[in-house]
PDB file of N, CA and C in Angstrom:
ATOM      1  N   MET A   1     -30.313  27.558  10.887  1.00  0.00           N
ATOM      2  CA  MET A   1     -29.516  26.420  11.309  1.00  0.00           C
ATOM      3  C   MET A   1     -28.163  26.514  10.614  1.00  0.00           C
ATOM      4  N   ARG A   2     -27.126  26.096  11.308  1.00  0.00           N
ATOM      5  CA  ARG A   2     -25.770  26.114  10.766  1.00  0.00           C
ATOM      6  C   ARG A   2     -25.204  24.715  10.728  1.00  0.00           C
ATOM      7  N   GLN A   3     -24.189  24.568   9.905  1.00  0.00           N
ATOM      8  CA  GLN A   3     -23.546  23.267   9.750  1.00  0.00           C
ATOM      9  C   GLN A   3     -22.092  23.401  10.165  1.00  0.00           C
ATOM     10  N   VAL A   4     -21.605  22.388  10.891  1.00  0.00           N
ATOM     11  CA  VAL A   4     -20.211  22.352  11.328  1.00  0.00           C
ATOM     12  C   VAL A   4     -19.627  21.039  10.846  1.00  0.00           C
ATOM     13  N   ILE A   5     -18.466  21.131  10.200  1.00  0.00           N
ATOM     14  CA  ILE A   5     -17.777  19.929   9.730  1.00  0.00           C
ATOM     15  C   ILE A   5     -16.473  19.812  10.501  1.00  0.00           C
ATOM     16  N   LEU A   6     -16.276  18.661  11.129  1.00  0.00           N
ATOM     17  CA  LEU A   6     -15.071  18.411  11.913  1.00  0.00           C
ATOM     18  C   LEU A   6     -14.288  17.262  11.307  1.00  0.00           C
ATOM     19  N   THR A   7     -12.985  17.376  11.345  1.00  0.00           N
ATOM     20  CA  THR A   7     -12.112  16.270  10.966  1.00  0.00           C
ATOM     21  C   THR A   7     -11.478  15.771  12.252  1.00  0.00           C
ATOM     22  N   VAL A   8     -11.728  14.500  12.556  1.00  0.00           N
ATOM     23  CA  VAL A   8     -11.315  13.946  13.838  1.00  0.00           C
ATOM     24  C   VAL A   8     -10.510  12.681  13.603  1.00  0.00           C
ATOM     25  N   PRO A   9      -9.403  12.484  14.344  1.00  0.00           N
ATOM     26  CA  PRO A   9      -8.664  11.224  14.225  1.00  0.00           C
ATOM     27  C   PRO A   9      -9.566  10.048  14.595  1.00  0.00           C
ATOM     28  N   ASP A  10      -9.348   8.925  13.954  1.00  0.00           N
ATOM     29  CA  ASP A  10     -10.191   7.751  14.172  1.00  0.00           C
ATOM     30  C   ASP A  10     -10.309   7.370  15.642  1.00  0.00           C
ATOM     31  N   GLU A  11      -9.201   7.448  16.363  1.00  0.00           N
ATOM     32  CA  GLU A  11      -9.231   7.022  17.762  1.00  0.00           C
ATOM     33  C   GLU A  11     -10.028   7.982  18.655  1.00  0.00           C
ATOM     34  N   GLN A  12     -10.291   9.205  18.172  1.00  0.00           N
ATOM     35  CA  GLN A  12     -11.053  10.182  18.952  1.00  0.00           C
ATOM     36  C   GLN A  12     -12.510  10.289  18.520  1.00  0.00           C
ATOM     37  N   TYR A  13     -12.883   9.569  17.466  1.00  0.00           N
ATOM     38  CA  TYR A  13     -14.235   9.681  16.915  1.00  0.00           C
ATOM     39  C   TYR A  13     -15.309   9.233  17.918  1.00  0.00           C
ATOM     40  N   ALA A  14     -15.141   8.067  18.505  1.00  0.00           N
ATOM     41  CA  ALA A  14     -16.159   7.533  19.421  1.00  0.00           C
ATOM     42  C   ALA A  14     -16.375   8.446  20.625  1.00  0.00           C
ATOM     43  N   PRO A  15     -15.318   8.903  21.310  1.00  0.00           N
ATOM     44  CA  PRO A  15     -15.559   9.810  22.453  1.00  0.00           C
ATOM     45  C   PRO A  15     -16.243  11.112  22.034  1.00  0.00           C
ATOM     46  N   LEU A  16     -15.861  11.642  20.875  1.00  0.00           N
ATOM     47  CA  LEU A  16     -16.486  12.878  20.410  1.00  0.00           C
ATOM     48  C   LEU A  16     -17.970  12.660  20.133  1.00  0.00           C
ATOM     49  N   MET A  17     -18.324  11.545  19.527  1.00  0.00           N
ATOM     50  CA  MET A  17     -19.724  11.278  19.218  1.00  0.00           C
ATOM     51  C   MET A  17     -20.552  11.132  20.492  1.00  0.00           C
ATOM     52  N   LYS A  18     -19.967  10.592  21.570  1.00  0.00           N
ATOM     53  CA  LYS A  18     -20.682  10.517  22.845  1.00  0.00           C
ATOM     54  C   LYS A  18     -21.013  11.916  23.349  1.00  0.00           C
ATOM     55  N   VAL A  19     -20.043  12.809  23.248  1.00  0.00           N
ATOM     56  CA  VAL A  19     -20.263  14.185  23.690  1.00  0.00           C
ATOM     57  C   VAL A  19     -21.328  14.849  22.822  1.00  0.00           C
ATOM     58  N   VAL A  20     -21.216  14.693  21.519  1.00  0.00           N
ATOM     59  CA  VAL A  20     -22.173  15.324  20.605  1.00  0.00           C
ATOM     60  C   VAL A  20     -23.586  14.825  20.872  1.00  0.00           C
ATOM     61  N   LYS A  21     -23.740  13.524  21.075  1.00  0.00           N
ATOM     62  CA  LYS A  21     -25.078  12.957  21.307  1.00  0.00           C
ATOM     63  C   LYS A  21     -25.648  13.346  22.666  1.00  0.00           C
ATOM     64  N   SER A  22     -24.799  13.753  23.601  1.00  0.00           N
ATOM     65  CA  SER A  22     -25.277  14.139  24.923  1.00  0.00           C
ATOM     66  C   SER A  22     -25.705  15.606  24.998  1.00  0.00           C
ATOM     67  N   LEU A  23     -25.514  16.365  23.946  1.00  0.00           N
ATOM     68  CA  LEU A  23     -25.900  17.779  23.945  1.00  0.00           C
ATOM     69  C   LEU A  23     -27.425  17.893  24.053  1.00  0.00           C
ATOM     70  N   PRO A  24     -27.905  18.967  24.717  1.00  0.00           N
ATOM     71  CA  PRO A  24     -29.341  19.084  25.003  1.00  0.00           C
ATOM     72  C   PRO A  24     -30.212  19.527  23.823  1.00  0.00           C
ATOM     73  N   PHE A  25     -29.664  19.673  22.651  1.00  0.00           N
ATOM     74  CA  PHE A  25     -30.469  20.071  21.503  1.00  0.00           C
ATOM     75  C   PHE A  25     -30.356  19.032  20.404  1.00  0.00           C
ATOM     76  N   SER A  26     -31.233  19.148  19.446  1.00  0.00           N
ATOM     77  CA  SER A  26     -31.312  18.164  18.369  1.00  0.00           C
ATOM     78  C   SER A  26     -30.124  18.303  17.425  1.00  0.00           C
ATOM     79  N   ILE A  27     -29.476  17.150  17.149  1.00  0.00           N
ATOM     80  CA  ILE A  27     -28.318  17.138  16.250  1.00  0.00           C
ATOM     81  C   ILE A  27     -28.461  15.976  15.278  1.00  0.00           C
ATOM     82  N   LYS A  28     -28.161  16.254  14.051  1.00  0.00           N
ATOM     83  CA  LYS A  28     -28.052  15.190  13.056  1.00  0.00           C
ATOM     84  C   LYS A  28     -26.566  14.967  12.837  1.00  0.00           C
ATOM     85  N   ALA A  29     -26.097  13.808  13.193  1.00  0.00           N
ATOM     86  CA  ALA A  29     -24.678  13.504  13.036  1.00  0.00           C
ATOM     87  C   ALA A  29     -24.521  12.315  12.106  1.00  0.00           C
ATOM     88  N   LYS A  30     -23.608  12.452  11.195  1.00  0.00           N
ATOM     89  CA  LYS A  30     -23.343  11.325  10.306  1.00  0.00           C
ATOM     90  C   LYS A  30     -21.854  11.265  10.019  1.00  0.00           C
ATOM     91  N   ALA A  31     -21.335  10.051   9.998  1.00  0.00           N
ATOM     92  CA  ALA A  31     -19.916   9.838   9.736  1.00  0.00           C
ATOM     93  C   ALA A  31     -19.681   9.813   8.235  1.00  0.00           C
ATOM     94  N   VAL A  32     -18.680  10.527   7.825  1.00  0.00           N
ATOM     95  CA  VAL A  32     -18.302  10.565   6.419  1.00  0.00           C
ATOM     96  C   VAL A  32     -16.825  10.222   6.336  1.00  0.00           C
ATOM     97  N   ALA A  33     -16.500   9.268   5.502  1.00  0.00           N
ATOM     98  CA  ALA A  33     -15.099   8.890   5.335  1.00  0.00           C
ATOM     99  C   ALA A  33     -14.348  10.023   4.654  1.00  0.00           C
ATOM    100  N   PRO A  34     -13.132  10.291   5.096  1.00  0.00           N
ATOM    101  CA  PRO A  34     -12.355  11.339   4.446  1.00  0.00           C
ATOM    102  C   PRO A  34     -12.023  10.938   3.010  1.00  0.00           C
ATOM    103  N   PRO A  35     -11.879  11.906   2.137  1.00  0.00           N
ATOM    104  CA  PRO A  35     -11.542  11.570   0.744  1.00  0.00           C
ATOM    105  C   PRO A  35     -10.178  10.904   0.682  1.00  0.00           C
ATOM    106  N   LYS A  36     -10.065   9.956  -0.221  1.00  0.00           N
ATOM    107  CA  LYS A  36      -8.788   9.263  -0.393  1.00  0.00           C
ATOM    108  C   LYS A  36      -7.803  10.209  -1.064  1.00  0.00           C
ATOM    109  N   PRO A  37      -6.570  10.248  -0.550  1.00  0.00           N
ATOM    110  CA  PRO A  37      -5.582  11.126  -1.187  1.00  0.00           C
ATOM    111  C   PRO A  37      -5.235  10.616  -2.585  1.00  0.00           C
ATOM    112  N   ILE A  38      -5.014  11.541  -3.466  1.00  0.00           N
ATOM    113  CA  ILE A  38      -4.638  11.188  -4.837  1.00  0.00           C
ATOM    114  C   ILE A  38      -3.149  10.845  -4.836  1.00  0.00           C
ATOM    115  N   PRO A  39      -2.802   9.616  -5.242  1.00  0.00           N
ATOM    116  CA  PRO A  39      -1.389   9.234  -5.219  1.00  0.00           C
ATOM    117  C   PRO A  39      -0.586  10.044  -6.241  1.00  0.00           C
ATOM    118  N   LYS A  40       0.636  10.350  -5.841  1.00  0.00           N
ATOM    119  CA  LYS A  40       1.533  11.061  -6.758  1.00  0.00           C
ATOM    120  C   LYS A  40       2.018  10.082  -7.823  1.00  0.00           C
ATOM    121  N   PRO A  41       2.164  10.568  -9.045  1.00  0.00           N
ATOM    122  CA  PRO A  41       2.694   9.670 -10.080  1.00  0.00           C
ATOM    123  C   PRO A  41       4.153   9.320  -9.764  1.00  0.00           C
ATOM    124  N   TYR A  42       4.527   8.102 -10.150  1.00  0.00           N
ATOM    125  CA  TYR A  42       5.899   7.648  -9.921  1.00  0.00           C
ATOM    126  C   TYR A  42       6.843   8.282 -10.928  1.00  0.00           C
ATOM    127  N   THR A  43       8.098   8.433 -10.507  1.00  0.00           N
ATOM    128  CA  THR A  43       9.130   8.831 -11.461  1.00  0.00           C
ATOM    129  C   THR A  43       9.398   7.613 -12.344  1.00  0.00           C
ATOM    130  N   PRO A  44      10.030   7.792 -13.495  1.00  0.00           N
ATOM    131  CA  PRO A  44      10.338   6.625 -14.342  1.00  0.00           C
ATOM    132  C   PRO A  44      11.157   5.563 -13.610  1.00  0.00           C
ATOM    133  N   GLU A  45      12.091   5.981 -12.763  1.00  0.00           N
ATOM    134  CA  GLU A  45      12.901   5.017 -12.018  1.00  0.00           C
ATOM    135  C   GLU A  45      12.042   4.248 -11.024  1.00  0.00           C
ATOM    136  N   GLN A  46      11.151   4.958 -10.333  1.00  0.00           N
ATOM    137  CA  GLN A  46      10.267   4.299  -9.375  1.00  0.00           C
ATOM    138  C   GLN A  46       9.318   3.344 -10.095  1.00  0.00           C
ATOM    139  N   GLN A  47       8.788   3.760 -11.241  1.00  0.00           N
ATOM    140  CA  GLN A  47       7.859   2.910 -11.985  1.00  0.00           C
ATOM    141  C   GLN A  47       8.562   1.646 -12.464  1.00  0.00           C
ATOM    142  N   ALA A  48       9.815   1.770 -12.892  1.00  0.00           N
ATOM    143  CA  ALA A  48      10.576   0.597 -13.328  1.00  0.00           C
ATOM    144  C   ALA A  48      10.753  -0.366 -12.154  1.00  0.00           C
ATOM    145  N   TRP A  49      11.049   0.180 -10.958  1.00  0.00           N
ATOM    146  CA  TRP A  49      11.216  -0.664  -9.774  1.00  0.00           C
ATOM    147  C   TRP A  49       9.902  -1.370  -9.437  1.00  0.00           C
ATOM    148  N   VAL A  50       8.788  -0.632  -9.481  1.00  0.00           N
ATOM    149  CA  VAL A  50       7.472  -1.213  -9.177  1.00  0.00           C
ATOM    150  C   VAL A  50       7.148  -2.324 -10.184  1.00  0.00           C
ATOM    151  N   ASP A  51       7.408  -2.066 -11.459  1.00  0.00           N
ATOM    152  CA  ASP A  51       7.139  -3.077 -12.488  1.00  0.00           C
ATOM    153  C   ASP A  51       7.972  -4.339 -12.260  1.00  0.00           C
ATOM    154  N   ASP A  52       9.266  -4.163 -11.953  1.00  0.00           N
ATOM    155  CA  ASP A  52      10.140  -5.308 -11.680  1.00  0.00           C
ATOM    156  C   ASP A  52       9.661  -6.083 -10.455  1.00  0.00           C
ATOM    157  N   PHE A  53       9.235  -5.350  -9.422  1.00  0.00           N
ATOM    158  CA  PHE A  53       8.768  -5.993  -8.201  1.00  0.00           C
ATOM    159  C   PHE A  53       7.488  -6.782  -8.456  1.00  0.00           C
ATOM    160  N   ARG A  54       6.576  -6.215  -9.231  1.00  0.00           N
ATOM    161  CA  ARG A  54       5.338  -6.931  -9.566  1.00  0.00           C
ATOM    162  C   ARG A  54       5.642  -8.206 -10.354  1.00  0.00           C
ATOM    163  N   GLU A  55       6.587  -8.097 -11.279  1.00  0.00           N
ATOM    164  CA  GLU A  55       6.969  -9.268 -12.070  1.00  0.00           C
ATOM    165  C   GLU A  55       7.569 -10.351 -11.161  1.00  0.00           C
ATOM    166  N   ALA A  56       8.397  -9.931 -10.208  1.00  0.00           N
ATOM    167  CA  ALA A  56       9.001 -10.887  -9.286  1.00  0.00           C
ATOM    168  C   ALA A  56       7.923 -11.567  -8.436  1.00  0.00           C
ATOM    169  N   LEU A  57       6.955 -10.798  -7.954  1.00  0.00           N
ATOM    170  CA  LEU A  57       5.869 -11.386  -7.172  1.00  0.00           C
ATOM    171  C   LEU A  57       5.055 -12.371  -8.007  1.00  0.00           C
ATOM    172  N   HIS A  58       4.842 -12.024  -9.260  1.00  0.00           N
ATOM    173  CA  HIS A  58       4.103 -12.918 -10.155  1.00  0.00           C
ATOM    174  C   HIS A  58       4.876 -14.233 -10.330  1.00  0.00           C
ATOM    175  N   GLU A  59       6.191 -14.136 -10.487  1.00  0.00           N
ATOM    176  CA  GLU A  59       7.008 -15.346 -10.624  1.00  0.00           C
ATOM    177  C   GLU A  59       6.959 -16.198  -9.359  1.00  0.00           C
ATOM    178  N   VAL A  60       6.940 -15.547  -8.194  1.00  0.00           N
ATOM    179  CA  VAL A  60       6.838 -16.294  -6.935  1.00  0.00           C
ATOM    180  C   VAL A  60       5.495 -17.027  -6.869  1.00  0.00           C
ATOM    181  N   GLU A  61       4.428 -16.351  -7.277  1.00  0.00           N
ATOM    182  CA  GLU A  61       3.109 -17.001  -7.294  1.00  0.00           C
ATOM    183  C   GLU A  61       3.105 -18.213  -8.228  1.00  0.00           C
ATOM    184  N   LEU A  62       3.696 -18.058  -9.417  1.00  0.00           N
ATOM    185  CA  LEU A  62       3.762 -19.177 -10.353  1.00  0.00           C
ATOM    186  C   LEU A  62       4.578 -20.328  -9.776  1.00  0.00           C
ATOM    187  N   HIS A  63       5.662 -19.979  -9.082  1.00  0.00           N
ATOM    188  CA  HIS A  63       6.503 -21.008  -8.452  1.00  0.00           C
ATOM    189  C   HIS A  63       5.715 -21.745  -7.365  1.00  0.00           C
ATOM    190  N   GLN A  64       4.966 -20.999  -6.566  1.00  0.00           N
ATOM    191  CA  GLN A  64       4.181 -21.629  -5.501  1.00  0.00           C
ATOM    192  C   GLN A  64       3.086 -22.533  -6.071  1.00  0.00           C
ATOM    193  N   GLN A  65       2.601 -22.206  -7.257  1.00  0.00           N
ATOM    194  CA  GLN A  65       1.589 -23.030  -7.912  1.00  0.00           C
ATOM    195  C   GLN A  65       2.216 -24.220  -8.635  1.00  0.00           C
ATOM    196  N   GLY A  66       3.548 -24.272  -8.664  1.00  0.00           N
ATOM    197  CA  GLY A  66       4.250 -25.369  -9.319  1.00  0.00           C
ATOM    198  C   GLY A  66       4.323 -25.222 -10.834  1.00  0.00           C
ATOM    199  N   LYS A  67       4.078 -24.026 -11.345  1.00  0.00           N
ATOM    200  CA  LYS A  67       4.078 -23.817 -12.794  1.00  0.00           C
ATOM    201  C   LYS A  67       5.461 -23.480 -13.343  1.00  0.00           C
ATOM    202  N   ILE A  68       6.334 -22.931 -12.504  1.00  0.00           N
ATOM    203  CA  ILE A  68       7.703 -22.641 -12.943  1.00  0.00           C
ATOM    204  C   ILE A  68       8.665 -23.052 -11.832  1.00  0.00           C
ATOM    205  N   GLN A  69       9.926 -23.222 -12.195  1.00  0.00           N
ATOM    206  CA  GLN A  69      10.979 -23.544 -11.235  1.00  0.00           C
ATOM    207  C   GLN A  69      11.905 -22.337 -11.165  1.00  0.00           C
ATOM    208  N   LEU A  70      12.132 -21.819  -9.985  1.00  0.00           N
ATOM    209  CA  LEU A  70      13.018 -20.669  -9.810  1.00  0.00           C
ATOM    210  C   LEU A  70      14.450 -21.140  -9.574  1.00  0.00           C
ATOM    211  N   GLN A  71      15.399 -20.237  -9.829  1.00  0.00           N
ATOM    212  CA  GLN A  71      16.806 -20.529  -9.580  1.00  0.00           C
ATOM    213  C   GLN A  71      17.044 -20.684  -8.085  1.00  0.00           C
ATOM    214  N   THR A  72      17.975 -21.552  -7.737  1.00  0.00           N
ATOM    215  CA  THR A  72      18.417 -21.624  -6.346  1.00  0.00           C
ATOM    216  C   THR A  72      19.435 -20.514  -6.135  1.00  0.00           C
ATOM    217  N   LEU A  73      19.760 -20.235  -4.888  1.00  0.00           N
ATOM    218  CA  LEU A  73      20.751 -19.215  -4.576  1.00  0.00           C
ATOM    219  C   LEU A  73      22.113 -19.598  -5.166  1.00  0.00           C
ATOM    220  N   ASP A  74      22.472 -20.867  -5.077  1.00  0.00           N
ATOM    221  CA  ASP A  74      23.752 -21.320  -5.630  1.00  0.00           C
ATOM    222  C   ASP A  74      23.810 -21.084  -7.141  1.00  0.00           C
ATOM    223  N   GLU A  75      22.718 -21.379  -7.836  1.00  0.00           N
ATOM    224  CA  GLU A  75      22.678 -21.156  -9.287  1.00  0.00           C
ATOM    225  C   GLU A  75      22.820 -19.668  -9.610  1.00  0.00           C
ATOM    226  N   TYR A  76      22.186 -18.834  -8.807  1.00  0.00           N
ATOM    227  CA  TYR A  76      22.254 -17.388  -9.039  1.00  0.00           C
ATOM    228  C   TYR A  76      23.671 -16.862  -8.801  1.00  0.00           C
ATOM    229  N   ILE A  77      24.305 -17.311  -7.714  1.00  0.00           N
ATOM    230  CA  ILE A  77      25.684 -16.883  -7.427  1.00  0.00           C
ATOM    231  C   ILE A  77      26.620 -17.347  -8.531  1.00  0.00           C
ATOM    232  N   HIS A  78      26.428 -18.575  -9.002  1.00  0.00           N
ATOM    233  CA  HIS A  78      27.242 -19.097 -10.091  1.00  0.00           C
ATOM    234  C   HIS A  78      27.066 -18.228 -11.346  1.00  0.00           C
ATOM    235  N   GLU A  79      25.841 -17.853 -11.641  1.00  0.00           N
ATOM    236  CA  GLU A  79      25.577 -17.000 -12.803  1.00  0.00           C
ATOM    237  C   GLU A  79      26.246 -15.637 -12.650  1.00  0.00           C
ATOM    238  N   LEU A  80      26.181 -15.058 -11.439  1.00  0.00           N
ATOM    239  CA  LEU A  80      26.818 -13.764 -11.199  1.00  0.00           C
ATOM    240  C   LEU A  80      28.332 -13.863 -11.376  1.00  0.00           C
ATOM    241  N   ARG A  81      28.929 -14.933 -10.878  1.00  0.00           N
ATOM    242  CA  ARG A  81      30.381 -15.108 -11.010  1.00  0.00           C
ATOM    243  C   ARG A  81      30.773 -15.266 -12.475  1.00  0.00           C
ATOM    244  N   ASN A  82      30.000 -16.021 -13.233  1.00  0.00           N
ATOM    245  CA  ASN A  82      30.301 -16.211 -14.650  1.00  0.00           C
ATOM    246  C   ASN A  82      30.177 -14.900 -15.418  1.00  0.00           C
ATOM    247  N   ASN A  83      29.171 -14.112 -15.105  1.00  0.00           N
ATOM    248  CA  ASN A  83      28.989 -12.829 -15.781  1.00  0.00           C
ATOM    249  C   ASN A  83      30.102 -11.854 -15.439  1.00  0.00           C
ATOM    250  N   SER A  84      30.576 -11.858 -14.188  1.00  0.00           N
ATOM    251  CA  SER A  84      31.650 -10.947 -13.812  1.00  0.00           C
ATOM    252  C   SER A  84      32.956 -11.371 -14.472  1.00  0.00           C
ATOM    253  N   ASP A  85      33.175 -12.678 -14.678  1.00  0.00           N
ATOM    254  CA  ASP A  85      34.382 -13.156 -15.346  1.00  0.00           C
ATOM    255  C   ASP A  85      34.376 -12.741 -16.813  1.00  0.00           C
ATOM    256  N   GLU A  86      33.204 -12.745 -17.436  1.00  0.00           N
ATOM    257  CA  GLU A  86      33.093 -12.390 -18.864  1.00  0.00           C
ATOM    258  C   GLU A  86      33.366 -10.910 -19.071  1.00  0.00           C
ATOM    259  N   GLU A  87      33.024 -10.067 -18.076  1.00  0.00           N
ATOM    260  CA  GLU A  87      33.197  -8.622 -18.228  1.00  0.00           C
ATOM    261  C   GLU A  87      34.670  -8.220 -18.102  1.00  0.00           C
ATOM    262  N   LEU A  88      35.504  -9.059 -17.500  1.00  0.00           N
ATOM    263  CA  LEU A  88      36.917  -8.707 -17.330  1.00  0.00           C
ATOM    264  C   LEU A  88      37.650  -8.892 -18.583  1.00  0.00           C
TER     265      LEU A  88
END
């Protein structure tokens, strides 16, 4: 007896299994999930961005829970203008 392993796109799996099950000889077929790809490590710049983004999401969650008050857009623009004036 021989073994055949096929990798099939998800959308083609069901039609292929119909064909396999219709063959005139005995077949043992079982679906196996493909291995999860190993994620590439982030560069330091990417990791810093991810960390900042996670922190921002955490702050949004706290704001939605009413635990902190976030700056309004006007307050943020005012802060940016004040900081740019100080740098001149």
